[in-house]
N, C-alpha and C. Protein backbone atom coordinates (compact mmCIF):
# COMPACT_ATOMS: atom_id res chain seq x y z
N MET A 1 0.82 -1.19 0.00
CA MET A 1 0.00 0.00 0.00
C MET A 1 0.87 1.26 0.00
N ALA A 2 1.89 1.30 0.84
CA ALA A 2 2.77 2.47 0.89
C ALA A 2 3.54 2.61 -0.42
N ASP A 3 3.91 1.46 -1.02
CA ASP A 3 4.62 1.51 -2.29
C ASP A 3 3.73 2.08 -3.40
N GLN A 4 2.44 1.72 -3.36
CA GLN A 4 1.50 2.25 -4.36
C GLN A 4 1.38 3.77 -4.23
N ARG A 5 1.28 4.25 -2.99
CA ARG A 5 1.18 5.70 -2.78
C ARG A 5 2.43 6.41 -3.27
N ALA A 6 3.58 5.82 -3.02
CA ALA A 6 4.84 6.42 -3.47
C ALA A 6 4.88 6.47 -5.00
N ASP A 7 4.41 5.37 -5.65
CA ASP A 7 4.36 5.35 -7.11
C ASP A 7 3.42 6.43 -7.65
N ILE A 8 2.26 6.57 -7.03
CA ILE A 8 1.29 7.59 -7.46
C ILE A 8 1.88 8.98 -7.31
N ARG A 9 2.56 9.24 -6.21
CA ARG A 9 3.18 10.55 -5.99
C ARG A 9 4.23 10.86 -7.05
N ARG A 10 5.02 9.85 -7.42
CA ARG A 10 6.05 10.06 -8.43
C ARG A 10 5.42 10.32 -9.80
N GLN A 11 4.31 9.66 -10.08
CA GLN A 11 3.67 9.80 -11.39
C GLN A 11 2.84 11.08 -11.50
N THR A 12 2.36 11.56 -10.39
CA THR A 12 1.51 12.74 -10.39
C THR A 12 2.36 13.97 -10.11
N ARG A 13 2.34 14.89 -11.04
CA ARG A 13 3.09 16.14 -10.86
C ARG A 13 2.17 17.17 -10.22
N PHE A 14 2.71 17.81 -9.22
CA PHE A 14 1.96 18.85 -8.53
C PHE A 14 2.31 20.19 -9.16
N ASP A 15 1.29 20.91 -9.58
CA ASP A 15 1.50 22.25 -10.14
C ASP A 15 1.02 23.27 -9.13
N PRO A 16 1.94 24.03 -8.53
CA PRO A 16 1.54 25.00 -7.52
C PRO A 16 0.59 26.07 -8.06
N ARG A 17 0.56 26.24 -9.37
CA ARG A 17 -0.36 27.22 -9.96
C ARG A 17 -1.81 26.83 -9.79
N ALA A 18 -2.04 25.56 -9.48
CA ALA A 18 -3.41 25.08 -9.28
C ALA A 18 -3.94 25.44 -7.90
N VAL A 19 -3.08 25.83 -6.99
CA VAL A 19 -3.51 26.23 -5.65
C VAL A 19 -4.33 27.51 -5.79
N PRO A 20 -5.53 27.55 -5.21
CA PRO A 20 -6.41 28.72 -5.39
C PRO A 20 -5.77 30.07 -5.06
N ALA A 21 -5.00 30.15 -4.00
CA ALA A 21 -4.38 31.43 -3.63
C ALA A 21 -3.37 31.87 -4.69
N VAL A 22 -2.61 30.93 -5.23
CA VAL A 22 -1.63 31.25 -6.27
C VAL A 22 -2.36 31.63 -7.55
N ARG A 23 -3.40 30.87 -7.89
CA ARG A 23 -4.19 31.15 -9.09
C ARG A 23 -4.79 32.56 -9.03
N GLN A 24 -5.29 32.94 -7.86
CA GLN A 24 -5.90 34.26 -7.71
C GLN A 24 -4.87 35.36 -7.95
N VAL A 25 -3.69 35.22 -7.38
CA VAL A 25 -2.63 36.22 -7.58
C VAL A 25 -2.27 36.31 -9.06
N LEU A 26 -2.12 35.17 -9.72
CA LEU A 26 -1.74 35.17 -11.13
C LEU A 26 -2.86 35.71 -12.02
N ASP A 27 -4.11 35.46 -11.64
CA ASP A 27 -5.24 35.99 -12.41
C ASP A 27 -5.33 37.51 -12.32
N GLU A 28 -4.78 38.08 -11.26
CA GLU A 28 -4.85 39.53 -11.06
C GLU A 28 -3.50 40.20 -11.33
N ILE A 29 -2.72 39.62 -12.22
CA ILE A 29 -1.36 40.10 -12.50
C ILE A 29 -1.35 41.54 -13.03
N ASP A 30 -2.41 41.96 -13.71
CA ASP A 30 -2.47 43.31 -14.29
C ASP A 30 -3.08 44.33 -13.35
N LYS A 31 -3.49 43.90 -12.17
CA LYS A 31 -4.13 44.83 -11.24
C LYS A 31 -3.10 45.39 -10.27
N GLY A 32 -3.30 46.63 -9.91
CA GLY A 32 -2.39 47.26 -8.97
C GLY A 32 -1.96 48.62 -9.47
N GLY A 33 -0.91 49.12 -8.86
CA GLY A 33 -0.42 50.44 -9.20
C GLY A 33 1.08 50.53 -9.01
N LEU A 34 1.52 51.70 -8.62
CA LEU A 34 2.95 51.95 -8.48
C LEU A 34 3.63 51.04 -7.44
N PRO A 35 3.05 50.81 -6.26
CA PRO A 35 3.74 49.92 -5.30
C PRO A 35 3.99 48.52 -5.89
N GLU A 36 2.99 47.97 -6.58
CA GLU A 36 3.18 46.65 -7.20
C GLU A 36 4.26 46.72 -8.28
N ALA A 37 4.25 47.78 -9.07
CA ALA A 37 5.25 47.93 -10.13
C ALA A 37 6.66 48.02 -9.56
N VAL A 38 6.82 48.78 -8.47
CA VAL A 38 8.14 48.95 -7.85
C VAL A 38 8.66 47.62 -7.32
N VAL A 39 7.83 46.92 -6.57
CA VAL A 39 8.26 45.65 -5.98
C VAL A 39 8.52 44.62 -7.08
N ARG A 40 7.63 44.57 -8.07
CA ARG A 40 7.78 43.60 -9.17
C ARG A 40 9.07 43.87 -9.95
N ALA A 41 9.32 45.13 -10.29
CA ALA A 41 10.54 45.46 -11.03
C ALA A 41 11.77 45.13 -10.20
N GLY A 42 11.73 45.45 -8.91
CA GLY A 42 12.85 45.14 -8.04
C GLY A 42 13.13 43.65 -7.96
N MET A 43 12.07 42.86 -7.88
CA MET A 43 12.25 41.40 -7.82
C MET A 43 12.75 40.84 -9.15
N LEU A 44 12.26 41.38 -10.26
CA LEU A 44 12.75 40.94 -11.56
C LEU A 44 14.24 41.24 -11.70
N ILE A 45 14.64 42.42 -11.24
CA ILE A 45 16.05 42.81 -11.31
C ILE A 45 16.90 41.92 -10.41
N ALA A 46 16.41 41.66 -9.20
CA ALA A 46 17.15 40.78 -8.28
C ALA A 46 17.30 39.38 -8.86
N LYS A 47 16.22 38.88 -9.47
CA LYS A 47 16.25 37.54 -10.05
C LYS A 47 17.20 37.46 -11.25
N ALA A 48 17.33 38.55 -11.99
CA ALA A 48 18.23 38.57 -13.15
C ALA A 48 19.69 38.49 -12.73
N GLY A 49 19.98 38.90 -11.51
CA GLY A 49 21.37 38.85 -11.03
C GLY A 49 21.69 37.48 -10.49
N SER A 50 22.22 37.45 -9.33
CA SER A 50 22.61 36.18 -8.72
C SER A 50 21.40 35.35 -8.34
N GLY A 51 20.25 36.01 -8.24
CA GLY A 51 19.05 35.30 -7.84
C GLY A 51 18.93 35.18 -6.34
N VAL A 52 19.97 35.56 -5.62
CA VAL A 52 19.96 35.48 -4.16
C VAL A 52 19.35 36.76 -3.62
N ARG A 53 18.32 36.61 -2.83
CA ARG A 53 17.67 37.78 -2.23
C ARG A 53 17.89 37.73 -0.74
N ARG A 54 19.01 38.23 -0.32
CA ARG A 54 19.31 38.23 1.11
C ARG A 54 18.52 39.33 1.80
N LEU A 55 18.26 39.11 3.09
CA LEU A 55 17.53 40.09 3.87
C LEU A 55 18.26 41.43 3.88
N ALA A 56 19.57 41.41 3.96
CA ALA A 56 20.35 42.66 3.97
C ALA A 56 20.15 43.44 2.67
N GLN A 57 20.05 42.72 1.54
CA GLN A 57 19.81 43.38 0.26
C GLN A 57 18.43 44.02 0.24
N MET A 58 17.44 43.32 0.79
CA MET A 58 16.09 43.87 0.83
C MET A 58 16.05 45.12 1.70
N GLU A 59 16.77 45.09 2.82
CA GLU A 59 16.82 46.25 3.69
C GLU A 59 17.50 47.42 2.98
N HIS A 60 18.57 47.12 2.25
CA HIS A 60 19.27 48.17 1.51
C HIS A 60 18.36 48.75 0.41
N THR A 61 17.60 47.90 -0.25
CA THR A 61 16.66 48.37 -1.27
C THR A 61 15.61 49.27 -0.64
N ARG A 62 15.13 48.90 0.55
CA ARG A 62 14.17 49.76 1.25
C ARG A 62 14.78 51.13 1.54
N GLU A 63 16.05 51.14 1.93
CA GLU A 63 16.73 52.41 2.20
C GLU A 63 16.83 53.25 0.92
N LEU A 64 17.10 52.59 -0.21
CA LEU A 64 17.17 53.31 -1.48
C LEU A 64 15.81 53.89 -1.86
N LEU A 65 14.75 53.15 -1.56
CA LEU A 65 13.41 53.59 -1.93
C LEU A 65 12.86 54.65 -0.99
N ALA A 66 13.39 54.74 0.21
CA ALA A 66 12.86 55.68 1.21
C ALA A 66 12.77 57.12 0.69
N PRO A 67 13.82 57.67 0.06
CA PRO A 67 13.71 59.05 -0.42
C PRO A 67 12.65 59.24 -1.51
N THR A 68 12.35 58.20 -2.27
CA THR A 68 11.35 58.34 -3.34
C THR A 68 9.94 58.40 -2.78
N GLY A 69 9.74 57.86 -1.58
CA GLY A 69 8.42 57.87 -0.96
C GLY A 69 7.44 56.91 -1.58
N ILE A 70 7.92 55.99 -2.38
CA ILE A 70 7.03 55.09 -3.12
C ILE A 70 6.28 54.14 -2.20
N LEU A 71 6.96 53.58 -1.21
CA LEU A 71 6.33 52.57 -0.36
C LEU A 71 6.01 53.08 1.04
N THR A 72 6.12 54.37 1.28
CA THR A 72 5.93 54.90 2.64
C THR A 72 4.50 54.76 3.14
N GLY A 73 3.53 54.74 2.27
CA GLY A 73 2.14 54.65 2.70
C GLY A 73 1.70 53.24 3.08
N LEU A 74 2.58 52.27 2.94
CA LEU A 74 2.21 50.88 3.23
C LEU A 74 2.58 50.50 4.65
N SER A 75 1.65 49.81 5.31
CA SER A 75 1.96 49.27 6.63
C SER A 75 2.89 48.08 6.46
N GLU A 76 3.46 47.62 7.54
CA GLU A 76 4.37 46.47 7.49
C GLU A 76 3.63 45.23 6.95
N ASP A 77 2.38 45.03 7.39
CA ASP A 77 1.59 43.89 6.91
C ASP A 77 1.30 44.00 5.42
N ASP A 78 0.93 45.21 4.96
CA ASP A 78 0.66 45.41 3.54
C ASP A 78 1.92 45.17 2.71
N LEU A 79 3.05 45.63 3.21
CA LEU A 79 4.31 45.42 2.50
C LEU A 79 4.65 43.93 2.44
N ARG A 80 4.43 43.22 3.53
CA ARG A 80 4.68 41.78 3.55
C ARG A 80 3.78 41.06 2.54
N ARG A 81 2.49 41.44 2.51
CA ARG A 81 1.53 40.84 1.57
C ARG A 81 1.96 41.12 0.14
N LEU A 82 2.35 42.38 -0.10
CA LEU A 82 2.79 42.77 -1.44
C LEU A 82 4.02 41.99 -1.87
N LEU A 83 4.99 41.85 -0.99
CA LEU A 83 6.19 41.07 -1.30
C LEU A 83 5.84 39.61 -1.61
N HIS A 84 4.92 39.05 -0.83
CA HIS A 84 4.49 37.66 -1.05
C HIS A 84 3.83 37.50 -2.42
N GLU A 85 2.88 38.39 -2.73
CA GLU A 85 2.16 38.29 -4.00
C GLU A 85 3.09 38.51 -5.19
N GLU A 86 3.95 39.49 -5.09
CA GLU A 86 4.85 39.77 -6.21
C GLU A 86 5.89 38.67 -6.38
N THR A 87 6.27 38.01 -5.31
CA THR A 87 7.16 36.85 -5.43
C THR A 87 6.49 35.76 -6.25
N ILE A 88 5.22 35.51 -5.99
CA ILE A 88 4.46 34.51 -6.76
C ILE A 88 4.46 34.89 -8.24
N VAL A 89 4.14 36.15 -8.53
CA VAL A 89 4.07 36.61 -9.92
C VAL A 89 5.41 36.45 -10.62
N VAL A 90 6.48 36.91 -9.99
CA VAL A 90 7.81 36.88 -10.62
C VAL A 90 8.34 35.46 -10.76
N GLU A 91 8.07 34.60 -9.79
CA GLU A 91 8.58 33.22 -9.86
C GLU A 91 7.83 32.38 -10.89
N PHE A 92 6.50 32.54 -10.98
CA PHE A 92 5.71 31.68 -11.86
C PHE A 92 5.50 32.26 -13.26
N GLU A 93 5.45 33.57 -13.39
CA GLU A 93 5.18 34.20 -14.68
C GLU A 93 6.11 35.40 -14.92
N PRO A 94 7.42 35.18 -15.00
CA PRO A 94 8.35 36.31 -15.14
C PRO A 94 8.14 37.14 -16.41
N THR A 95 7.84 36.50 -17.52
CA THR A 95 7.62 37.25 -18.77
C THR A 95 6.37 38.10 -18.68
N GLN A 96 5.30 37.51 -18.18
CA GLN A 96 4.05 38.25 -18.02
C GLN A 96 4.21 39.35 -16.97
N ALA A 97 5.01 39.09 -15.95
CA ALA A 97 5.26 40.10 -14.91
C ALA A 97 5.92 41.33 -15.53
N LYS A 98 6.87 41.09 -16.41
CA LYS A 98 7.57 42.19 -17.08
C LYS A 98 6.61 42.96 -17.99
N ARG A 99 5.82 42.22 -18.77
CA ARG A 99 4.90 42.85 -19.72
C ARG A 99 3.79 43.64 -19.04
N SER A 100 3.48 43.30 -17.81
CA SER A 100 2.38 43.97 -17.10
C SER A 100 2.80 45.30 -16.47
N LEU A 101 4.09 45.57 -16.40
CA LEU A 101 4.57 46.80 -15.75
C LEU A 101 3.96 48.08 -16.34
N PRO A 102 3.82 48.22 -17.66
CA PRO A 102 3.21 49.45 -18.18
C PRO A 102 1.76 49.64 -17.71
N ARG A 103 1.05 48.57 -17.44
CA ARG A 103 -0.33 48.69 -16.96
C ARG A 103 -0.38 49.05 -15.48
N LEU A 104 0.69 48.76 -14.75
CA LEU A 104 0.75 49.11 -13.33
C LEU A 104 1.25 50.55 -13.14
N ALA A 105 2.23 50.94 -13.93
CA ALA A 105 2.78 52.30 -13.86
C ALA A 105 2.23 53.07 -15.06
N ARG A 106 1.01 53.56 -14.93
CA ARG A 106 0.31 54.16 -16.07
C ARG A 106 0.73 55.59 -16.35
N SER A 107 0.95 56.38 -15.33
CA SER A 107 1.20 57.81 -15.53
C SER A 107 2.69 58.09 -15.75
N ALA A 108 2.95 59.24 -16.34
CA ALA A 108 4.34 59.66 -16.55
C ALA A 108 5.04 59.84 -15.20
N GLY A 109 4.31 60.32 -14.20
CA GLY A 109 4.88 60.50 -12.86
C GLY A 109 5.31 59.18 -12.24
N ASP A 110 4.45 58.15 -12.38
CA ASP A 110 4.79 56.82 -11.86
C ASP A 110 6.03 56.27 -12.56
N ARG A 111 6.09 56.46 -13.85
CA ARG A 111 7.22 55.94 -14.62
C ARG A 111 8.51 56.68 -14.26
N ARG A 112 8.39 57.96 -13.98
CA ARG A 112 9.58 58.72 -13.54
C ARG A 112 10.10 58.16 -12.21
N LYS A 113 9.18 57.82 -11.31
CA LYS A 113 9.58 57.26 -10.02
C LYS A 113 10.28 55.92 -10.21
N LEU A 114 9.76 55.10 -11.10
CA LEU A 114 10.41 53.82 -11.39
C LEU A 114 11.81 54.04 -11.97
N ARG A 115 11.92 54.97 -12.88
CA ARG A 115 13.22 55.27 -13.47
C ARG A 115 14.18 55.82 -12.42
N ALA A 116 13.67 56.59 -11.47
CA ALA A 116 14.53 57.08 -10.38
C ALA A 116 15.06 55.91 -9.56
N MET A 117 14.20 54.90 -9.35
CA MET A 117 14.65 53.71 -8.64
C MET A 117 15.74 52.99 -9.44
N PHE A 118 15.54 52.85 -10.76
CA PHE A 118 16.55 52.21 -11.60
C PHE A 118 17.87 52.98 -11.51
N ASN A 119 17.79 54.30 -11.58
CA ASN A 119 18.99 55.14 -11.50
C ASN A 119 19.70 54.95 -10.17
N ALA A 120 18.92 54.89 -9.08
CA ALA A 120 19.51 54.72 -7.75
C ALA A 120 20.21 53.37 -7.63
N LEU A 121 19.60 52.33 -8.18
CA LEU A 121 20.22 51.00 -8.14
C LEU A 121 21.53 50.99 -8.92
N GLU A 122 21.52 51.61 -10.08
CA GLU A 122 22.74 51.66 -10.89
C GLU A 122 23.81 52.53 -10.25
N ALA A 123 23.41 53.66 -9.69
CA ALA A 123 24.37 54.58 -9.07
C ALA A 123 25.02 53.96 -7.84
N ALA A 124 24.26 53.15 -7.11
CA ALA A 124 24.80 52.50 -5.91
C ALA A 124 25.62 51.26 -6.28
N GLU A 125 25.73 50.99 -7.57
CA GLU A 125 26.48 49.84 -8.07
C GLU A 125 26.02 48.53 -7.45
N LEU A 126 24.71 48.40 -7.36
CA LEU A 126 24.13 47.18 -6.80
C LEU A 126 23.77 46.15 -7.87
N VAL A 127 24.01 46.48 -9.14
CA VAL A 127 23.57 45.60 -10.22
C VAL A 127 24.75 45.13 -11.06
N ASP A 128 24.61 43.91 -11.59
CA ASP A 128 25.63 43.38 -12.49
C ASP A 128 25.20 43.65 -13.94
N GLU A 129 25.94 43.10 -14.89
CA GLU A 129 25.68 43.39 -16.30
C GLU A 129 24.31 42.87 -16.76
N ARG A 130 23.93 41.67 -16.32
CA ARG A 130 22.62 41.13 -16.71
C ARG A 130 21.50 42.01 -16.18
N GLN A 131 21.68 42.50 -14.96
CA GLN A 131 20.68 43.37 -14.37
C GLN A 131 20.62 44.71 -15.11
N ARG A 132 21.76 45.23 -15.52
CA ARG A 132 21.77 46.49 -16.30
C ARG A 132 21.03 46.31 -17.62
N THR A 133 21.21 45.14 -18.24
CA THR A 133 20.51 44.84 -19.49
C THR A 133 19.00 44.81 -19.25
N LEU A 134 18.59 44.18 -18.16
CA LEU A 134 17.16 44.13 -17.83
C LEU A 134 16.62 45.53 -17.54
N ILE A 135 17.37 46.33 -16.81
CA ILE A 135 16.93 47.70 -16.50
C ILE A 135 16.74 48.49 -17.80
N ALA A 136 17.64 48.32 -18.75
CA ALA A 136 17.50 49.00 -20.05
C ALA A 136 16.22 48.53 -20.75
N GLU A 137 15.93 47.24 -20.67
CA GLU A 137 14.70 46.70 -21.27
C GLU A 137 13.47 47.27 -20.58
N LEU A 138 13.52 47.35 -19.25
CA LEU A 138 12.38 47.91 -18.51
C LEU A 138 12.17 49.38 -18.85
N ARG A 139 13.25 50.11 -19.04
CA ARG A 139 13.12 51.52 -19.45
C ARG A 139 12.42 51.63 -20.80
N ARG A 140 12.74 50.72 -21.73
CA ARG A 140 12.07 50.73 -23.04
C ARG A 140 10.59 50.39 -22.91
N LEU A 141 10.27 49.49 -21.97
CA LEU A 141 8.87 49.13 -21.75
C LEU A 141 8.07 50.26 -21.11
N LEU A 142 8.76 51.16 -20.43
CA LEU A 142 8.10 52.21 -19.66
C LEU A 142 8.49 53.60 -20.17
N PRO A 143 8.13 53.92 -21.42
CA PRO A 143 8.49 55.25 -21.92
C PRO A 143 7.71 56.32 -21.15
N ILE A 144 8.33 57.47 -21.03
CA ILE A 144 7.66 58.58 -20.35
C ILE A 144 7.08 59.49 -21.43
N THR A 145 5.78 59.44 -21.56
CA THR A 145 5.10 60.31 -22.52
C THR A 145 4.01 61.05 -21.79
N GLU A 146 4.00 62.33 -21.97
CA GLU A 146 2.94 63.14 -21.36
C GLU A 146 1.70 62.96 -22.23
N ARG A 147 0.60 62.68 -21.60
CA ARG A 147 -0.65 62.55 -22.35
C ARG A 147 -1.17 63.93 -22.71
N MET A 148 -1.56 64.03 -23.95
CA MET A 148 -2.16 65.28 -24.38
C MET A 148 -3.59 65.30 -23.85
N PRO A 149 -4.02 66.42 -23.29
CA PRO A 149 -5.39 66.46 -22.80
C PRO A 149 -6.36 66.31 -23.97
N THR A 150 -7.35 65.48 -23.76
CA THR A 150 -8.34 65.29 -24.82
C THR A 150 -9.34 66.42 -24.76
N ARG A 151 -9.74 66.88 -25.93
CA ARG A 151 -10.69 67.98 -26.01
C ARG A 151 -12.08 67.41 -25.76
N PRO A 152 -12.82 68.00 -24.83
CA PRO A 152 -14.16 67.49 -24.56
C PRO A 152 -15.07 67.73 -25.76
N ARG A 153 -15.98 66.81 -25.97
CA ARG A 153 -16.95 66.96 -27.06
C ARG A 153 -17.88 68.11 -26.72
N PRO A 154 -18.20 68.92 -27.70
CA PRO A 154 -19.13 70.02 -27.42
C PRO A 154 -20.50 69.46 -27.05
N LEU A 155 -21.13 70.13 -26.12
CA LEU A 155 -22.47 69.70 -25.72
C LEU A 155 -23.46 70.07 -26.80
N ARG A 156 -24.40 69.18 -27.04
CA ARG A 156 -25.45 69.47 -28.01
C ARG A 156 -26.60 70.14 -27.29
N SER A 157 -27.22 71.03 -27.95
CA SER A 157 -28.37 71.71 -27.34
C SER A 157 -29.57 70.79 -27.35
N ALA A 158 -30.54 71.12 -26.52
CA ALA A 158 -31.76 70.32 -26.44
C ALA A 158 -32.48 70.30 -27.78
N SER A 159 -32.47 71.42 -28.49
CA SER A 159 -33.18 71.47 -29.77
C SER A 159 -32.50 70.57 -30.81
N SER A 160 -31.17 70.50 -30.80
CA SER A 160 -30.48 69.64 -31.76
C SER A 160 -30.72 68.17 -31.43
N ARG A 161 -30.80 67.84 -30.14
CA ARG A 161 -31.10 66.44 -29.77
C ARG A 161 -32.51 66.08 -30.19
N ARG A 162 -33.46 67.02 -30.01
CA ARG A 162 -34.86 66.78 -30.38
C ARG A 162 -34.96 66.57 -31.89
N LYS A 163 -34.27 67.39 -32.68
CA LYS A 163 -34.30 67.26 -34.14
C LYS A 163 -33.75 65.91 -34.57
N GLU A 164 -32.67 65.46 -33.89
CA GLU A 164 -32.07 64.18 -34.23
C GLU A 164 -33.02 63.03 -33.91
N ARG A 165 -33.72 63.12 -32.77
CA ARG A 165 -34.70 62.08 -32.41
C ARG A 165 -35.84 62.05 -33.42
N GLU A 166 -36.32 63.22 -33.81
CA GLU A 166 -37.41 63.29 -34.78
C GLU A 166 -36.98 62.72 -36.12
N LYS A 167 -35.75 62.98 -36.51
CA LYS A 167 -35.23 62.48 -37.77
C LYS A 167 -35.18 60.95 -37.75
N HIS A 168 -34.71 60.37 -36.62
CA HIS A 168 -34.64 58.90 -36.50
C HIS A 168 -36.03 58.29 -36.40
N ALA A 169 -36.96 58.98 -35.77
CA ALA A 169 -38.32 58.47 -35.63
C ALA A 169 -39.03 58.45 -36.98
N ALA A 170 -38.75 59.43 -37.83
CA ALA A 170 -39.38 59.52 -39.14
C ALA A 170 -38.82 58.47 -40.10
N ALA A 171 -37.62 58.02 -39.86
CA ALA A 171 -36.97 57.07 -40.77
C ALA A 171 -37.48 55.68 -40.63
């Protein structure tokens, strides 16, 4: 009986993506804002390097981010949750994680903050050549373009709306 169970375990592959909590995080990969983008980009950059994420490195990254004010509004629990969720995203779907960054950092201001983080990482010489290559790719994914204000449509008068309704009713 024990041998049969061992055989079944060897034959059956467990996919952690099937776990509901993991599935939920992956299904919501495009949801979020600047905090998610910052943590996700940081984890992608860390993974591109040695892949080792020591606690001291995370603390140093927090120190680098402190002047930007990006994560200051998060409680310790929220930051822990965010780190957990973004770890799932980066580990299971790294390509999709990278592609989703423009949807998380939508505004030019958000993208400037991300670029400031990239600059700080490079200036502090915390990145190797592979990480520099990834940072260059992330910069291309996150162009800073000011949106031109859209001109509001002119309001139609009540008489013009009435004429249009009468025209459609007659047709």
